[in-house]
N, C-alpha and C. Protein backbone atom coordinates (compact mmCIF):
# COMPACT_ATOMS: atom_id res chain seq x y z
N MET A 1 6.06 -12.52 -18.57
CA MET A 1 5.44 -11.40 -17.91
C MET A 1 5.75 -11.53 -16.45
N ARG A 2 6.42 -10.43 -16.00
CA ARG A 2 6.81 -10.40 -14.58
C ARG A 2 5.76 -9.85 -13.63
N ARG A 3 5.14 -10.63 -12.79
CA ARG A 3 4.14 -10.14 -11.92
C ARG A 3 4.84 -9.78 -10.68
N MET A 4 4.37 -8.66 -10.13
CA MET A 4 5.02 -8.14 -9.04
C MET A 4 4.00 -7.63 -7.98
N LEU A 5 4.36 -7.54 -6.84
CA LEU A 5 3.39 -7.33 -5.60
C LEU A 5 3.90 -6.00 -4.99
N VAL A 6 3.06 -5.15 -4.68
CA VAL A 6 3.05 -3.88 -3.93
C VAL A 6 2.36 -4.04 -2.84
N VAL A 7 3.13 -4.01 -1.70
CA VAL A 7 2.56 -4.12 -0.16
C VAL A 7 2.49 -2.67 0.24
N VAL A 8 1.42 -2.19 0.54
CA VAL A 8 1.27 -0.72 0.78
C VAL A 8 0.99 -0.67 2.39
N ASP A 9 2.18 0.01 3.16
CA ASP A 9 1.82 0.49 4.34
C ASP A 9 1.27 -0.38 5.45
N MET A 10 1.81 -1.60 5.75
CA MET A 10 1.48 -2.45 6.55
C MET A 10 2.14 -2.48 7.66
N GLN A 11 2.09 -0.99 8.42
CA GLN A 11 2.79 -0.74 9.46
C GLN A 11 2.05 -1.00 10.71
N ASN A 12 2.64 -0.94 12.02
CA ASN A 12 1.97 -0.99 13.31
C ASN A 12 0.65 0.03 13.29
N ASP A 13 1.11 1.43 12.94
CA ASP A 13 0.18 2.34 13.37
C ASP A 13 -1.10 2.06 12.49
N PHE A 14 -1.03 1.50 11.60
CA PHE A 14 -2.30 1.49 10.45
C PHE A 14 -3.07 -0.07 10.94
N ILE A 15 -2.20 -1.04 11.57
CA ILE A 15 -2.72 -2.38 12.00
C ILE A 15 -3.61 -2.30 13.50
N ASP A 16 -2.80 -2.11 14.29
CA ASP A 16 -3.26 -2.11 15.71
C ASP A 16 -2.80 -0.94 16.60
N ALA A 17 -2.38 0.03 16.16
CA ALA A 17 -1.86 1.18 16.87
C ALA A 17 -2.80 2.40 16.66
N ALA A 18 -2.18 3.56 16.66
CA ALA A 18 -2.78 4.92 16.28
C ALA A 18 -4.02 4.85 15.32
N LEU A 19 -3.91 4.25 14.31
CA LEU A 19 -4.96 4.25 13.34
C LEU A 19 -5.60 2.99 13.02
N GLY A 20 -5.18 1.93 13.81
CA GLY A 20 -5.53 0.78 13.65
C GLY A 20 -7.05 0.22 13.63
N THR A 21 -7.57 -0.69 12.91
CA THR A 21 -8.94 -1.03 13.20
C THR A 21 -8.98 -2.68 13.00
N ALA A 22 -9.97 -2.95 13.43
CA ALA A 22 -10.22 -4.64 13.49
C ALA A 22 -10.32 -5.12 12.01
N GLU A 23 -10.75 -4.28 11.16
CA GLU A 23 -10.47 -4.85 9.63
C GLU A 23 -9.14 -5.10 9.13
N ALA A 24 -8.16 -4.05 9.74
CA ALA A 24 -6.85 -4.22 9.38
C ALA A 24 -6.06 -5.20 9.85
N VAL A 25 -6.56 -5.59 11.43
CA VAL A 25 -5.93 -6.70 11.88
C VAL A 25 -6.41 -7.99 11.26
N ALA A 26 -7.72 -8.03 10.84
CA ALA A 26 -8.25 -9.35 10.06
C ALA A 26 -7.54 -9.55 8.77
N ILE A 27 -6.70 -8.74 8.03
CA ILE A 27 -6.25 -9.21 6.90
C ILE A 27 -4.70 -9.44 7.07
N VAL A 28 -4.06 -9.41 8.06
CA VAL A 28 -2.72 -9.62 8.40
C VAL A 28 -2.21 -11.17 7.83
N ASP A 29 -3.04 -12.23 8.22
CA ASP A 29 -2.74 -13.64 7.71
C ASP A 29 -2.73 -13.61 6.32
N ALA A 30 -3.75 -13.11 5.65
CA ALA A 30 -3.92 -13.03 4.10
C ALA A 30 -2.93 -12.22 3.29
N VAL A 31 -2.33 -11.09 4.09
CA VAL A 31 -1.20 -10.61 3.38
C VAL A 31 0.14 -11.18 3.55
N LYS A 32 0.10 -11.87 4.64
CA LYS A 32 1.56 -12.89 4.66
C LYS A 32 1.29 -13.85 3.55
N GLU A 33 0.37 -14.26 3.45
CA GLU A 33 0.21 -15.46 2.60
C GLU A 33 0.29 -15.07 0.84
N LYS A 34 -0.10 -13.93 0.86
CA LYS A 34 0.21 -13.15 -0.52
C LYS A 34 1.60 -12.89 -0.84
N ILE A 35 2.30 -12.25 0.25
CA ILE A 35 3.65 -11.99 0.01
C ILE A 35 4.39 -13.22 -0.10
N ARG A 36 4.17 -14.41 0.55
CA ARG A 36 4.81 -15.57 0.33
C ARG A 36 4.73 -16.26 -0.96
N SER A 37 3.64 -15.74 -1.74
CA SER A 37 3.34 -16.41 -3.12
C SER A 37 4.21 -15.85 -4.09
N TYR A 38 4.77 -14.71 -3.77
CA TYR A 38 5.75 -13.92 -4.92
C TYR A 38 7.16 -14.32 -4.53
N PRO A 39 7.82 -14.28 -5.43
CA PRO A 39 9.47 -14.30 -5.19
C PRO A 39 9.71 -12.99 -4.72
N ILE A 40 10.70 -13.02 -3.59
CA ILE A 40 11.02 -11.80 -2.93
C ILE A 40 11.64 -10.58 -3.82
N GLU A 41 12.11 -10.81 -5.01
CA GLU A 41 12.65 -9.97 -5.85
C GLU A 41 11.68 -9.21 -6.52
N ASN A 42 10.34 -9.98 -6.52
CA ASN A 42 9.34 -9.28 -7.39
C ASN A 42 8.19 -8.65 -5.99
N VAL A 43 8.64 -8.26 -4.94
CA VAL A 43 7.95 -7.65 -3.84
C VAL A 43 8.60 -6.27 -3.54
N ILE A 44 7.64 -5.38 -3.58
CA ILE A 44 7.93 -4.01 -3.30
C ILE A 44 7.01 -3.66 -2.00
N ALA A 45 7.51 -2.74 -1.13
CA ALA A 45 6.63 -2.35 0.04
C ALA A 45 6.65 -0.71 0.13
N THR A 46 5.53 -0.07 0.57
CA THR A 46 5.86 1.37 0.93
C THR A 46 5.65 1.43 2.33
N MET A 47 5.98 2.65 2.81
CA MET A 47 5.95 2.97 4.27
C MET A 47 5.43 4.50 4.22
N ASP A 48 4.48 4.61 5.06
CA ASP A 48 3.88 6.03 5.22
C ASP A 48 5.01 6.69 6.25
N THR A 49 5.46 7.74 5.92
CA THR A 49 6.56 8.27 6.70
C THR A 49 6.45 9.86 6.99
N HIS A 50 6.34 10.22 8.32
CA HIS A 50 6.06 11.25 8.78
C HIS A 50 7.14 11.81 9.70
N GLY A 51 7.27 13.37 9.68
CA GLY A 51 8.30 13.78 10.93
C GLY A 51 7.73 14.09 12.01
N GLU A 52 8.36 14.73 12.83
CA GLU A 52 7.76 15.33 14.26
C GLU A 52 6.97 16.34 13.98
N ASN A 53 6.90 17.11 12.98
CA ASN A 53 6.09 18.15 12.80
C ASN A 53 4.77 17.71 11.93
N TYR A 54 4.52 16.43 11.93
CA TYR A 54 3.16 16.00 11.27
C TYR A 54 1.92 16.82 11.41
N LEU A 55 1.65 17.17 12.75
CA LEU A 55 0.43 17.96 12.97
C LEU A 55 0.57 19.33 12.20
N GLU A 56 1.61 19.84 12.08
CA GLU A 56 1.80 21.15 11.20
C GLU A 56 1.75 21.11 9.91
N THR A 57 1.52 20.03 9.22
CA THR A 57 1.32 19.58 7.92
C THR A 57 -0.22 19.67 7.33
N GLN A 58 -0.37 19.88 6.15
CA GLN A 58 -1.60 19.90 5.63
C GLN A 58 -2.44 18.72 6.10
N GLU A 59 -1.65 17.60 5.86
CA GLU A 59 -2.46 16.20 6.08
C GLU A 59 -2.62 16.04 7.58
N GLY A 60 -1.79 16.53 8.35
CA GLY A 60 -1.74 16.76 9.88
C GLY A 60 -3.14 17.28 10.45
N ARG A 61 -3.21 18.58 9.65
CA ARG A 61 -4.51 19.58 10.04
C ARG A 61 -5.60 18.85 9.61
N ASN A 62 -5.63 18.04 8.59
CA ASN A 62 -6.89 17.24 8.09
C ASN A 62 -7.17 15.97 8.87
N LEU A 63 -6.18 15.38 9.33
CA LEU A 63 -6.04 14.12 10.14
C LEU A 63 -5.27 14.45 11.42
N PRO A 64 -5.85 14.80 12.26
CA PRO A 64 -4.77 15.01 13.44
C PRO A 64 -4.68 14.10 14.49
N VAL A 65 -4.11 12.93 14.00
CA VAL A 65 -3.74 11.90 14.58
C VAL A 65 -2.17 11.58 14.21
N THR A 66 -1.37 11.97 15.25
CA THR A 66 0.06 11.53 14.86
C THR A 66 0.00 10.13 14.91
N HIS A 67 0.62 9.79 13.38
CA HIS A 67 1.28 8.46 13.18
C HIS A 67 2.33 8.19 11.98
N CYS A 68 2.89 7.33 12.18
CA CYS A 68 4.04 6.87 11.18
C CYS A 68 5.16 7.81 11.24
N VAL A 69 5.68 8.31 12.64
CA VAL A 69 6.45 9.10 12.60
C VAL A 69 7.95 8.30 12.48
N LYS A 70 8.90 8.72 11.59
CA LYS A 70 9.96 8.05 11.30
C LYS A 70 10.68 7.45 12.40
N GLY A 71 11.02 6.15 12.74
CA GLY A 71 11.67 5.95 13.62
C GLY A 71 10.73 5.15 14.91
N SER A 72 9.45 5.72 14.93
CA SER A 72 8.67 5.13 16.03
C SER A 72 8.41 3.76 15.78
N ASP A 73 7.87 3.29 16.91
CA ASP A 73 7.23 1.92 16.81
C ASP A 73 6.14 1.75 15.56
N GLY A 74 5.21 2.69 15.95
CA GLY A 74 4.09 2.78 14.94
C GLY A 74 4.71 2.89 13.38
N TRP A 75 5.49 3.47 13.23
CA TRP A 75 6.14 3.61 11.87
C TRP A 75 6.52 2.38 11.25
N LYS A 76 7.03 1.62 11.97
CA LYS A 76 7.76 0.27 11.63
C LYS A 76 6.60 -0.73 11.10
N ILE A 77 6.97 -1.58 10.09
CA ILE A 77 6.17 -2.50 9.37
C ILE A 77 5.92 -3.80 10.56
N ARG A 78 4.98 -4.07 10.63
CA ARG A 78 4.49 -5.30 11.49
C ARG A 78 5.35 -6.41 11.54
N PRO A 79 6.04 -6.63 12.62
CA PRO A 79 7.28 -7.56 12.44
C PRO A 79 7.10 -8.88 11.76
N ASP A 80 6.10 -9.72 11.79
CA ASP A 80 5.90 -10.88 11.30
C ASP A 80 5.88 -10.52 9.63
N ILE A 81 5.49 -9.38 9.41
CA ILE A 81 5.30 -8.99 7.92
C ILE A 81 6.72 -8.52 7.53
N ALA A 82 7.34 -7.81 8.16
CA ALA A 82 8.75 -7.16 8.12
C ALA A 82 9.51 -8.38 7.57
N THR A 83 9.51 -9.53 8.39
CA THR A 83 10.47 -10.49 8.22
C THR A 83 10.36 -11.05 6.76
N LEU A 84 9.04 -11.26 6.60
CA LEU A 84 8.58 -11.81 5.10
C LEU A 84 9.17 -10.72 4.03
N LEU A 85 9.32 -9.58 4.40
CA LEU A 85 9.74 -8.44 3.26
C LEU A 85 11.62 -8.34 3.22
N ASP A 86 12.17 -9.09 4.11
CA ASP A 86 13.46 -9.06 4.00
C ASP A 86 13.88 -9.12 2.60
N GLY A 87 14.74 -8.31 2.14
CA GLY A 87 15.03 -8.43 0.69
C GLY A 87 14.23 -7.53 -0.20
N ALA A 88 13.01 -7.11 0.04
CA ALA A 88 12.28 -6.48 -0.83
C ALA A 88 12.83 -4.91 -0.85
N LYS A 89 12.55 -4.37 -1.96
CA LYS A 89 12.80 -2.85 -1.95
C LYS A 89 11.54 -2.26 -1.31
N ILE A 90 11.97 -1.20 -0.40
CA ILE A 90 10.85 -0.37 0.17
C ILE A 90 11.21 1.14 0.24
N TYR A 91 9.89 1.59 -0.16
CA TYR A 91 9.69 3.09 -0.58
C TYR A 91 9.16 3.77 0.66
N GLU A 92 9.75 4.81 1.16
CA GLU A 92 9.12 5.63 2.36
C GLU A 92 8.56 6.62 1.50
N LYS A 93 7.39 6.90 1.90
CA LYS A 93 6.53 8.09 1.23
C LYS A 93 5.95 9.17 2.20
N PRO A 94 6.30 10.43 1.76
CA PRO A 94 5.45 11.42 2.82
C PRO A 94 4.26 11.47 2.57
N THR A 95 3.48 11.09 1.82
CA THR A 95 2.13 11.29 1.48
C THR A 95 1.41 9.99 1.02
N PHE A 96 0.12 10.00 0.49
CA PHE A 96 -0.61 8.88 0.30
C PHE A 96 0.12 8.13 -0.86
N GLY A 97 0.57 8.63 -1.97
CA GLY A 97 1.05 7.92 -3.04
C GLY A 97 2.39 8.13 -3.24
N SER A 98 3.23 7.12 -3.79
CA SER A 98 4.66 7.31 -4.23
C SER A 98 5.03 7.42 -5.50
N THR A 99 5.39 8.79 -5.74
CA THR A 99 5.84 9.14 -7.17
C THR A 99 7.06 8.48 -7.36
N ALA A 100 7.88 8.27 -6.57
CA ALA A 100 9.15 7.45 -6.83
C ALA A 100 8.94 6.01 -7.24
N LEU A 101 7.91 5.28 -6.50
CA LEU A 101 7.58 3.95 -6.86
C LEU A 101 7.12 3.91 -8.29
N ALA A 102 6.10 4.94 -8.47
CA ALA A 102 5.44 4.76 -10.02
C ALA A 102 6.65 5.22 -11.08
N THR A 103 7.62 6.12 -10.84
CA THR A 103 8.55 6.20 -11.87
C THR A 103 9.51 5.26 -11.85
N ASP A 104 9.98 4.50 -10.80
CA ASP A 104 10.68 3.33 -10.94
C ASP A 104 10.12 2.14 -11.83
N LEU A 105 8.87 2.06 -11.46
CA LEU A 105 8.07 0.94 -12.13
C LEU A 105 7.90 1.25 -13.60
N GLN A 106 7.33 2.44 -13.78
CA GLN A 106 7.33 2.87 -15.19
C GLN A 106 8.66 2.70 -16.15
N THR A 107 9.86 3.10 -15.42
CA THR A 107 11.17 2.69 -16.00
C THR A 107 11.33 1.14 -16.31
N LEU A 108 10.91 0.36 -15.21
CA LEU A 108 11.14 -1.06 -15.54
C LEU A 108 10.09 -1.48 -16.51
N SER A 109 8.97 -0.95 -16.51
CA SER A 109 8.00 -1.36 -17.60
C SER A 109 8.22 -1.06 -19.16
N GLN A 110 9.34 -0.23 -19.36
CA GLN A 110 9.77 0.10 -20.68
C GLN A 110 10.84 -0.75 -21.09
N SER A 111 11.36 -1.81 -20.16
CA SER A 111 12.41 -2.63 -20.67
C SER A 111 11.83 -4.11 -20.43
N GLU A 112 10.73 -4.29 -19.78
CA GLU A 112 10.27 -5.70 -19.79
C GLU A 112 8.64 -5.50 -19.26
N ASP A 113 7.88 -6.58 -19.77
CA ASP A 113 6.55 -6.58 -19.39
C ASP A 113 6.21 -6.86 -17.98
N ILE A 114 5.55 -6.15 -17.31
CA ILE A 114 5.22 -6.42 -15.91
C ILE A 114 3.62 -6.40 -15.63
N GLU A 115 3.28 -6.99 -14.64
CA GLU A 115 1.71 -6.78 -14.22
C GLU A 115 2.11 -6.69 -12.69
N LEU A 116 1.14 -5.67 -12.20
CA LEU A 116 1.25 -5.24 -10.69
C LEU A 116 -0.05 -5.52 -9.81
N GLU A 117 0.30 -6.24 -8.80
CA GLU A 117 -0.84 -6.49 -7.85
C GLU A 117 -0.54 -5.82 -6.37
N LEU A 118 -1.54 -4.88 -6.04
CA LEU A 118 -1.35 -4.15 -4.82
C LEU A 118 -2.20 -4.85 -3.57
N ILE A 119 -1.70 -4.61 -2.40
CA ILE A 119 -2.50 -4.88 -1.35
C ILE A 119 -2.09 -4.11 -0.07
N GLY A 120 -2.94 -4.08 0.95
CA GLY A 120 -2.21 -3.12 1.85
C GLY A 120 -3.41 -2.34 2.62
N LEU A 121 -2.79 -1.27 3.24
CA LEU A 121 -3.62 -0.41 4.15
C LEU A 121 -3.51 0.92 3.70
N CYS A 122 -4.44 1.97 3.70
CA CYS A 122 -5.74 1.62 3.80
C CYS A 122 -6.27 1.70 2.40
N THR A 123 -7.19 0.91 1.84
CA THR A 123 -7.81 0.79 0.61
C THR A 123 -8.27 2.03 0.27
N ASP A 124 -8.77 2.95 1.04
CA ASP A 124 -9.50 4.25 0.65
C ASP A 124 -8.51 5.52 0.62
N ILE A 125 -7.32 5.12 1.17
CA ILE A 125 -6.16 6.44 1.14
C ILE A 125 -5.12 5.88 0.35
N CYS A 126 -4.30 5.19 0.93
CA CYS A 126 -2.95 4.95 0.25
C CYS A 126 -3.04 3.93 -0.73
N VAL A 127 -3.90 2.83 -0.77
CA VAL A 127 -4.07 1.85 -1.67
C VAL A 127 -4.45 2.46 -3.02
N VAL A 128 -5.72 3.33 -3.08
CA VAL A 128 -6.30 3.92 -3.97
C VAL A 128 -5.43 4.79 -4.72
N SER A 129 -4.70 5.42 -3.85
CA SER A 129 -3.92 6.69 -4.46
C SER A 129 -2.64 5.97 -5.00
N ASN A 130 -2.00 4.79 -4.66
CA ASN A 130 -1.01 4.22 -5.47
C ASN A 130 -1.61 3.67 -6.75
N ALA A 131 -2.53 3.16 -6.56
CA ALA A 131 -3.14 2.38 -7.70
C ALA A 131 -3.35 3.16 -8.91
N LEU A 132 -3.99 4.24 -8.60
CA LEU A 132 -4.36 5.37 -9.53
C LEU A 132 -2.99 6.06 -10.04
N LEU A 133 -2.15 6.51 -9.42
CA LEU A 133 -1.07 6.77 -9.81
C LEU A 133 -0.31 5.98 -10.74
N LEU A 134 -0.23 4.51 -10.37
CA LEU A 134 0.66 3.71 -11.14
C LEU A 134 -0.09 3.52 -12.62
N LYS A 135 -1.56 3.73 -12.49
CA LYS A 135 -2.28 3.52 -13.61
C LYS A 135 -2.00 4.70 -14.76
N ALA A 136 -1.85 5.96 -13.83
CA ALA A 136 -1.49 7.05 -14.69
C ALA A 136 -0.13 7.12 -15.24
N TYR A 137 0.79 6.64 -14.68
CA TYR A 137 2.08 6.36 -15.22
C TYR A 137 2.24 5.16 -16.07
N MET A 138 1.43 4.35 -16.03
CA MET A 138 1.50 3.08 -16.94
C MET A 138 0.03 2.63 -17.47
N PRO A 139 -0.45 3.36 -18.25
CA PRO A 139 -1.96 3.09 -18.66
C PRO A 139 -1.99 1.55 -19.15
N GLU A 140 -1.05 0.96 -19.97
CA GLU A 140 -1.14 -0.22 -20.56
C GLU A 140 -0.78 -1.49 -19.52
N VAL A 141 -0.28 -1.22 -18.49
CA VAL A 141 0.12 -2.17 -17.59
C VAL A 141 -0.96 -2.63 -16.71
N ARG A 142 -1.34 -3.97 -16.68
CA ARG A 142 -2.32 -4.62 -15.84
C ARG A 142 -1.99 -4.26 -14.47
N ILE A 143 -3.09 -3.72 -13.80
CA ILE A 143 -2.83 -3.37 -12.21
C ILE A 143 -4.16 -3.85 -11.62
N SER A 144 -3.66 -4.44 -10.40
CA SER A 144 -4.87 -5.15 -9.97
C SER A 144 -4.71 -5.06 -8.24
N VAL A 145 -5.98 -5.01 -7.50
CA VAL A 145 -5.94 -5.07 -6.22
C VAL A 145 -6.68 -6.13 -5.55
N ASP A 146 -6.18 -6.83 -4.73
CA ASP A 146 -6.82 -8.08 -3.89
C ASP A 146 -7.54 -7.56 -2.89
N ALA A 147 -8.79 -7.42 -2.98
CA ALA A 147 -9.61 -6.80 -1.88
C ALA A 147 -9.57 -7.45 -0.54
N SER A 148 -9.32 -8.90 -0.62
CA SER A 148 -9.27 -9.75 0.74
C SER A 148 -7.82 -9.42 1.39
N CYS A 149 -7.03 -8.75 0.76
CA CYS A 149 -5.67 -8.50 1.53
C CYS A 149 -5.68 -6.63 1.77
N CYS A 150 -6.83 -6.19 1.81
CA CYS A 150 -7.00 -4.60 1.96
C CYS A 150 -8.01 -4.36 2.91
N ALA A 151 -7.81 -3.30 3.60
CA ALA A 151 -8.73 -2.86 4.62
C ALA A 151 -8.83 -1.48 4.62
N GLY A 152 -10.07 -0.80 4.59
CA GLY A 152 -10.26 0.72 4.59
C GLY A 152 -10.38 1.21 6.02
N VAL A 153 -10.50 2.64 6.26
CA VAL A 153 -10.59 3.25 7.25
C VAL A 153 -11.99 2.59 7.83
N THR A 154 -13.08 2.61 7.36
CA THR A 154 -14.33 1.81 7.50
C THR A 154 -14.46 0.81 6.46
N PRO A 155 -15.33 -0.16 6.49
CA PRO A 155 -15.81 -1.09 5.66
C PRO A 155 -16.63 -0.50 4.58
N GLU A 156 -17.35 0.69 4.71
CA GLU A 156 -17.84 1.49 3.45
C GLU A 156 -17.04 2.19 2.80
N LYS A 157 -15.98 2.73 3.37
CA LYS A 157 -14.84 3.39 2.63
C LYS A 157 -14.04 2.39 1.63
N HIS A 158 -13.79 1.23 2.16
CA HIS A 158 -12.90 0.10 1.53
C HIS A 158 -13.73 -0.21 0.37
N LEU A 159 -15.10 -0.29 0.31
CA LEU A 159 -15.85 -0.95 -0.68
C LEU A 159 -15.94 0.38 -1.82
N ALA A 160 -15.99 1.61 -1.32
CA ALA A 160 -16.02 2.78 -2.14
C ALA A 160 -14.85 2.93 -2.94
N ALA A 161 -13.69 2.80 -2.34
CA ALA A 161 -12.58 2.76 -2.93
C ALA A 161 -12.39 1.56 -4.02
N LEU A 162 -12.59 0.36 -3.64
CA LEU A 162 -12.81 -0.73 -4.73
C LEU A 162 -13.56 -0.36 -5.92
N GLU A 163 -14.75 0.31 -5.73
CA GLU A 163 -15.48 0.86 -6.82
C GLU A 163 -14.79 1.78 -7.72
N THR A 164 -14.11 2.92 -7.04
CA THR A 164 -13.30 3.90 -7.55
C THR A 164 -12.34 3.25 -8.49
N MET A 165 -11.41 2.24 -7.98
CA MET A 165 -10.62 1.73 -8.70
C MET A 165 -11.03 1.09 -10.02
N ARG A 166 -12.09 0.23 -9.64
CA ARG A 166 -12.92 -0.53 -10.83
C ARG A 166 -13.19 0.27 -12.00
N SER A 167 -13.67 1.49 -11.70
CA SER A 167 -14.09 2.69 -12.56
C SER A 167 -12.84 3.18 -13.38
N CYS A 168 -11.59 3.13 -12.70
CA CYS A 168 -10.27 3.29 -13.32
C CYS A 168 -9.78 2.57 -14.05
N GLN A 169 -10.11 1.27 -14.18
CA GLN A 169 -9.87 0.13 -14.93
C GLN A 169 -8.60 -0.47 -14.28
N VAL A 170 -8.55 -0.54 -12.81
CA VAL A 170 -7.81 -1.45 -11.96
C VAL A 170 -8.61 -2.59 -11.70
N ASN A 171 -8.13 -3.82 -11.92
CA ASN A 171 -8.81 -4.98 -11.78
C ASN A 171 -9.00 -5.12 -10.38
N VAL A 172 -9.99 -5.46 -9.88
CA VAL A 172 -10.38 -5.72 -8.32
C VAL A 172 -10.75 -7.43 -8.26
N THR A 173 -9.95 -8.10 -7.41
CA THR A 173 -10.26 -9.42 -7.17
C THR A 173 -10.59 -9.61 -5.67
N ASN A 174 -11.33 -10.70 -5.42
CA ASN A 174 -11.84 -11.34 -4.16
C ASN A 174 -12.42 -10.29 -3.39
N ALA A 175 -13.29 -9.44 -4.07
CA ALA A 175 -14.04 -8.66 -3.23
C ALA A 175 -15.41 -9.30 -2.80
């Protein structure tokens, strides 16, 4: 069984910049420890990636805070985490969930037994979106989320997202 880690959107804008929260800052050390616990070839990361026209998009109209514009400092993965991700495959995604990630992991799951663990930001938006997308693509693959390595937009939304994932047979640990 190959255990793989998916690190979701540990970017500056979500930690301590445009959309940052104290809860996001608080998980950084736990995220780094979790990344170190996996061989780098079994680590994948995602990056929320928007263009300069973000505010003109549907997401931008609903969340009118410019963030994660490709090439900006806010778009970059936090430096101490980026160093740990050196050698990991990184998916840039224009929306909450990555269909490319789901497709690639589905293909991999057809040739070897895998298990997936997700961590990152934000629990109630991109973590839950990717967890449910992966579950839809691979219903028989064990998928888990380490709650101690995730933070939501608010603590209440974090807990609600964890409950949603539990309801959809995603294993939630360290809640």
